[in-house]
Every structure is written in C-alpha cells, then in structure tokens.
N, C-alpha and C. Protein backbone atom coordinates (compact mmCIF):
# COMPACT_ATOMS: atom_id res chain seq x y z
N MET A 1 97.57 84.34 89.62
CA MET A 1 96.66 84.07 88.44
C MET A 1 96.06 85.42 88.37
N ARG A 2 95.59 85.39 89.64
CA ARG A 2 94.34 86.35 89.94
C ARG A 2 94.76 87.98 89.91
N LEU A 3 95.70 87.95 90.19
CA LEU A 3 96.46 89.60 90.02
C LEU A 3 96.88 90.04 88.58
N LEU A 4 97.28 89.07 88.06
CA LEU A 4 97.30 89.31 86.13
C LEU A 4 95.21 89.83 85.72
N LEU A 5 94.89 88.96 86.18
CA LEU A 5 93.45 89.38 85.82
C LEU A 5 92.74 90.80 86.01
N VAL A 6 93.43 90.79 87.17
CA VAL A 6 92.50 92.09 87.57
C VAL A 6 93.18 92.81 87.84
N VAL A 7 94.09 93.49 87.71
CA VAL A 7 95.17 93.92 87.53
C VAL A 7 96.72 93.59 86.85
N PRO A 8 95.85 93.32 85.31
CA PRO A 8 97.44 93.40 84.17
C PRO A 8 98.39 94.18 84.19
N TRP A 9 98.33 95.66 85.30
CA TRP A 9 99.01 96.82 84.30
C TRP A 9 99.60 96.63 85.96
N TRP A 10 100.03 96.06 86.19
CA TRP A 10 100.43 95.74 88.27
C TRP A 10 102.38 95.96 87.80
N ARG A 11 102.54 95.84 87.24
CA ARG A 11 104.50 96.31 86.77
C ARG A 11 104.32 97.91 87.02
N ASP A 12 103.44 98.42 86.68
CA ASP A 12 103.77 99.74 86.69
C ASP A 12 102.84 100.72 87.82
N CYS A 13 102.33 100.05 88.84
CA CYS A 13 101.72 100.33 90.31
C CYS A 13 103.15 100.91 90.92
N GLN A 14 103.42 102.35 91.70
CA GLN A 14 103.82 102.76 92.31
C GLN A 14 103.19 102.43 93.96
N ASP A 15 102.17 103.05 93.58
CA ASP A 15 101.81 102.99 95.82
C ASP A 15 100.53 102.27 96.48
N PHE A 16 100.71 100.74 95.02
CA PHE A 16 99.70 100.64 95.02
C PHE A 16 98.28 100.52 95.65
N SER A 17 97.15 101.81 95.31
CA SER A 17 96.06 102.62 95.38
C SER A 17 95.41 102.40 94.03
N ASP A 18 94.02 102.48 94.31
CA ASP A 18 93.06 102.10 94.17
C ASP A 18 93.32 103.45 92.46
N GLU A 19 93.42 104.29 93.31
CA GLU A 19 93.48 105.76 91.94
C GLU A 19 94.35 105.52 91.14
N GLU A 20 95.38 105.63 91.58
CA GLU A 20 96.57 104.97 90.54
C GLU A 20 96.06 103.85 89.62
N SER A 21 95.97 102.96 89.91
CA SER A 21 95.47 101.41 89.41
C SER A 21 94.05 101.73 88.29
N ARG A 22 93.06 102.69 89.03
CA ARG A 22 92.15 103.83 87.99
C ARG A 22 93.01 104.22 86.88
N GLU A 23 93.89 104.93 86.92
CA GLU A 23 94.38 105.63 85.87
C GLU A 23 95.30 104.72 85.07
N LEU A 24 95.90 103.05 85.74
CA LEU A 24 96.63 103.05 84.95
C LEU A 24 95.46 102.28 83.95
N GLU A 25 94.60 101.89 85.05
CA GLU A 25 93.39 101.40 84.09
C GLU A 25 93.74 101.81 82.64
N ALA A 26 92.86 103.19 82.92
CA ALA A 26 91.98 103.99 81.79
C ALA A 26 93.19 103.72 80.78
N GLU A 27 94.72 103.64 80.93
CA GLU A 27 95.64 104.11 80.27
C GLU A 27 95.89 102.20 79.26
N TYR A 28 95.16 101.54 80.07
CA TYR A 28 95.48 99.92 79.27
C TYR A 28 94.13 99.96 78.64
N LEU A 29 93.29 100.05 79.07
CA LEU A 29 91.96 100.09 78.43
C LEU A 29 91.72 101.21 76.81
N GLU A 30 92.47 101.62 76.40
CA GLU A 30 92.88 102.52 75.45
C GLU A 30 93.85 101.64 74.74
N ASP A 31 94.62 100.73 75.10
CA ASP A 31 95.33 100.18 73.39
C ASP A 31 94.40 98.84 73.90
N MET A 32 94.18 98.04 74.78
CA MET A 32 93.13 96.55 74.71
C MET A 32 91.44 97.14 75.47
N PRO A 33 91.11 97.87 74.77
CA PRO A 33 89.60 98.28 75.05
C PRO A 33 88.85 96.91 75.60
N ASP A 34 89.17 95.15 75.02
CA ASP A 34 88.57 94.19 75.28
C ASP A 34 89.15 93.44 76.35
N VAL A 35 89.58 94.27 77.22
CA VAL A 35 90.66 92.93 77.93
C VAL A 35 89.50 92.52 79.31
N ALA A 36 88.06 93.24 79.22
CA ALA A 36 86.65 93.07 80.37
C ALA A 36 86.61 91.47 80.14
N ALA A 37 86.19 91.79 78.88
CA ALA A 37 86.12 90.27 78.37
C ALA A 37 86.82 89.49 78.38
N GLY A 38 87.65 89.73 78.45
CA GLY A 38 89.16 88.65 78.59
C GLY A 38 89.16 87.57 79.64
N ARG A 39 89.08 88.95 80.29
CA ARG A 39 89.16 88.47 81.76
C ARG A 39 88.11 87.14 82.43
N ALA A 40 87.13 88.23 82.06
CA ALA A 40 85.95 87.50 82.64
C ALA A 40 86.33 85.87 82.03
N ARG A 41 86.49 86.07 80.70
CA ARG A 41 86.71 83.95 79.79
C ARG A 41 87.79 83.66 80.71
N ALA A 42 88.94 83.87 80.68
CA ALA A 42 89.81 83.78 81.37
C ALA A 42 89.20 83.12 82.71
N ALA A 43 88.70 83.62 83.61
CA ALA A 43 88.67 83.78 84.97
C ALA A 43 87.60 82.48 85.30
N ALA A 44 86.34 82.65 84.31
CA ALA A 44 85.55 81.23 84.26
C ALA A 44 86.24 80.14 84.04
N ALA A 45 86.55 79.98 82.46
CA ALA A 45 88.01 78.26 82.25
C ALA A 45 89.00 77.99 83.57
N LEU A 46 89.00 79.13 84.24
CA LEU A 46 90.60 78.45 85.19
C LEU A 46 89.35 78.24 86.26
N GLY A 47 88.27 78.60 86.16
CA GLY A 47 87.22 78.25 87.68
C GLY A 47 87.44 79.28 88.70
N LEU A 48 88.35 80.67 88.51
CA LEU A 48 88.22 81.39 89.06
C LEU A 48 88.13 82.55 89.69
N GLU A 49 86.96 83.06 91.26
CA GLU A 49 86.60 83.69 91.41
C GLU A 49 87.07 85.01 91.54
N LEU A 50 86.91 86.23 90.79
CA LEU A 50 87.96 87.13 90.85
C LEU A 50 87.90 88.38 92.14
N PRO A 51 89.16 88.78 93.29
CA PRO A 51 88.38 89.03 94.32
C PRO A 51 88.56 90.95 93.66
N ASP A 52 87.61 91.83 94.37
CA ASP A 52 87.76 93.44 94.60
C ASP A 52 89.21 93.77 93.65
N ARG A 53 89.62 95.09 93.30
CA ARG A 53 91.05 95.67 92.56
C ARG A 53 91.64 95.78 94.25
N SER A 54 90.89 96.52 95.30
CA SER A 54 91.55 96.68 96.47
C SER A 54 92.22 95.53 97.20
N THR A 55 91.29 94.74 97.07
CA THR A 55 92.16 93.39 97.66
C THR A 55 93.55 92.78 97.14
N VAL A 56 93.35 92.68 96.13
CA VAL A 56 94.54 92.74 95.12
C VAL A 56 96.02 93.54 95.32
N LEU A 57 95.39 94.53 95.56
CA LEU A 57 96.49 95.69 94.90
C LEU A 57 97.18 95.52 96.56
N ALA A 58 96.21 95.37 98.07
CA ALA A 58 96.78 95.24 98.93
C ALA A 58 98.01 93.84 99.53
N ARG A 59 97.19 92.82 98.58
CA ARG A 59 98.16 91.33 98.98
C ARG A 59 99.75 92.44 97.92
N LEU A 60 99.44 92.35 97.00
CA LEU A 60 100.89 92.70 95.76
C LEU A 60 101.37 93.79 96.85
N SER A 61 101.01 95.09 97.16
CA SER A 61 101.57 95.66 98.53
C SER A 61 102.74 94.66 99.56
N GLU A 62 102.17 93.92 100.17
CA GLU A 62 102.20 93.15 101.42
C GLU A 62 103.75 92.18 100.09
N VAL A 63 103.16 91.71 99.46
CA VAL A 63 103.95 91.12 99.13
C VAL A 63 105.57 91.21 98.04
N ALA A 64 105.83 92.93 97.66
CA ALA A 64 106.15 93.17 96.94
C ALA A 64 106.85 94.66 98.29
N THR A 65 106.85 94.55 99.44
CA THR A 65 107.18 95.34 100.38
C THR A 65 107.38 94.80 101.52
N ARG A 66 106.31 93.82 102.38
CA ARG A 66 107.12 93.29 103.16
C ARG A 66 107.82 92.16 103.40
N LEU A 67 107.32 90.49 102.57
CA LEU A 67 107.24 89.55 102.82
C LEU A 67 108.56 89.19 102.27
N GLY A 68 109.19 90.31 101.89
CA GLY A 68 110.53 90.14 100.64
C GLY A 68 111.45 90.64 101.67
N LYS A 69 111.26 90.58 102.98
CA LYS A 69 112.12 90.95 103.95
C LYS A 69 112.64 89.20 104.75
N ASP A 70 111.72 88.52 104.65
CA ASP A 70 111.79 87.61 105.30
C ASP A 70 112.59 86.41 104.23
N TYR A 71 113.04 86.75 103.43
CA TYR A 71 114.43 85.87 101.92
C TYR A 71 115.20 86.74 101.33
N VAL A 72 116.08 85.71 101.46
CA VAL A 72 116.94 86.36 100.80
C VAL A 72 117.40 85.43 98.97
N LEU A 73 117.78 86.57 98.28
CA LEU A 73 118.19 86.38 97.10
C LEU A 73 119.58 85.63 96.99
N ILE A 74 119.74 84.35 96.05
CA ILE A 74 121.40 84.11 96.34
C ILE A 74 121.93 84.13 95.01
N PHE A 75 121.45 83.94 94.60
CA PHE A 75 122.05 84.69 92.90
C PHE A 75 121.07 86.25 92.01
N THR A 76 122.54 86.99 91.45
CA THR A 76 121.08 87.68 90.57
C THR A 76 121.23 87.18 89.48
N PRO A 77 120.46 88.07 88.88
CA PRO A 77 120.50 87.36 87.16
C PRO A 77 122.27 87.68 86.16
N GLU A 78 122.90 88.65 87.04
CA GLU A 78 124.69 88.59 86.65
C GLU A 78 125.12 87.00 87.47
N GLY A 79 124.59 85.90 88.18
CA GLY A 79 125.33 85.08 89.09
C GLY A 79 125.97 85.43 90.31
N ASN A 80 125.98 86.40 90.49
CA ASN A 80 126.63 87.19 91.21
C ASN A 80 125.95 87.04 92.59
N PRO A 81 126.47 86.31 93.89
CA PRO A 81 126.21 86.53 95.47
C PRO A 81 125.17 87.65 95.60
N TYR A 82 124.66 88.23 96.07
CA TYR A 82 123.70 89.29 95.99
C TYR A 82 123.50 89.77 97.96
N GLU A 83 124.05 90.74 97.66
CA GLU A 83 124.59 91.52 98.95
C GLU A 83 123.92 92.63 99.68
N PRO A 84 123.82 93.07 100.61
CA PRO A 84 122.29 93.48 100.76
C PRO A 84 123.19 95.25 100.57
N LEU A 85 122.86 96.17 100.53
CA LEU A 85 123.17 97.58 100.78
C LEU A 85 123.47 97.98 102.06
N PHE A 86 122.17 97.90 103.13
CA PHE A 86 122.45 97.94 104.29
C PHE A 86 121.68 97.37 105.82
N ALA A 87 122.73 96.89 106.47
CA ALA A 87 122.74 96.04 107.41
C ALA A 87 120.83 96.02 107.97
N ALA A 88 120.30 94.73 108.78
CA ALA A 88 118.99 94.52 108.53
C ALA A 88 119.21 95.14 110.20
C-alpha cells in the first residue's frame, strides 16, 4: 500500500532512482494534480506513516531484482509450467 501511495508511477520505474521517479512524478501530476492531497487522505484513513521516496524505491528494487531469485513461478498466465531460460 505504501508503494502505491508514495510512488503510484512505480510500474514505469526502470532503474528505481530518485531522479527517474521525480521525472515520472512530473508526468503523472500533469494528469492527476491532486495526487498529494489524495495520498495524505488515504494514508490518514489507513493509519499509515509514509516512508520517503528513496526508501520505497530501494524496497521496490530489492523485491523486483533480488527476492525473485528465491521464488519459482509454478504456472504462467497461459497455464504452462515455468521453465527458466538460464540455469542458476
């Protein structure tokens, strides 16, 4: 939930950097200028303290690039067993 509130543009992050996130935020705010107010209301309603952007991006990077090595996708959306392209 914190990821969605702090960096709702997370799906477009390629290198998980603050600079990249600031650029994506600027684009995002062009379409949704009231994001900050909505973020604050949602966090308050959920009783969440929001971490800073760099903390959230570091965690996103960890989950996306490191933790996945410890898990195996059993079935793909097509219903076929996953076969890694490269052996570990």
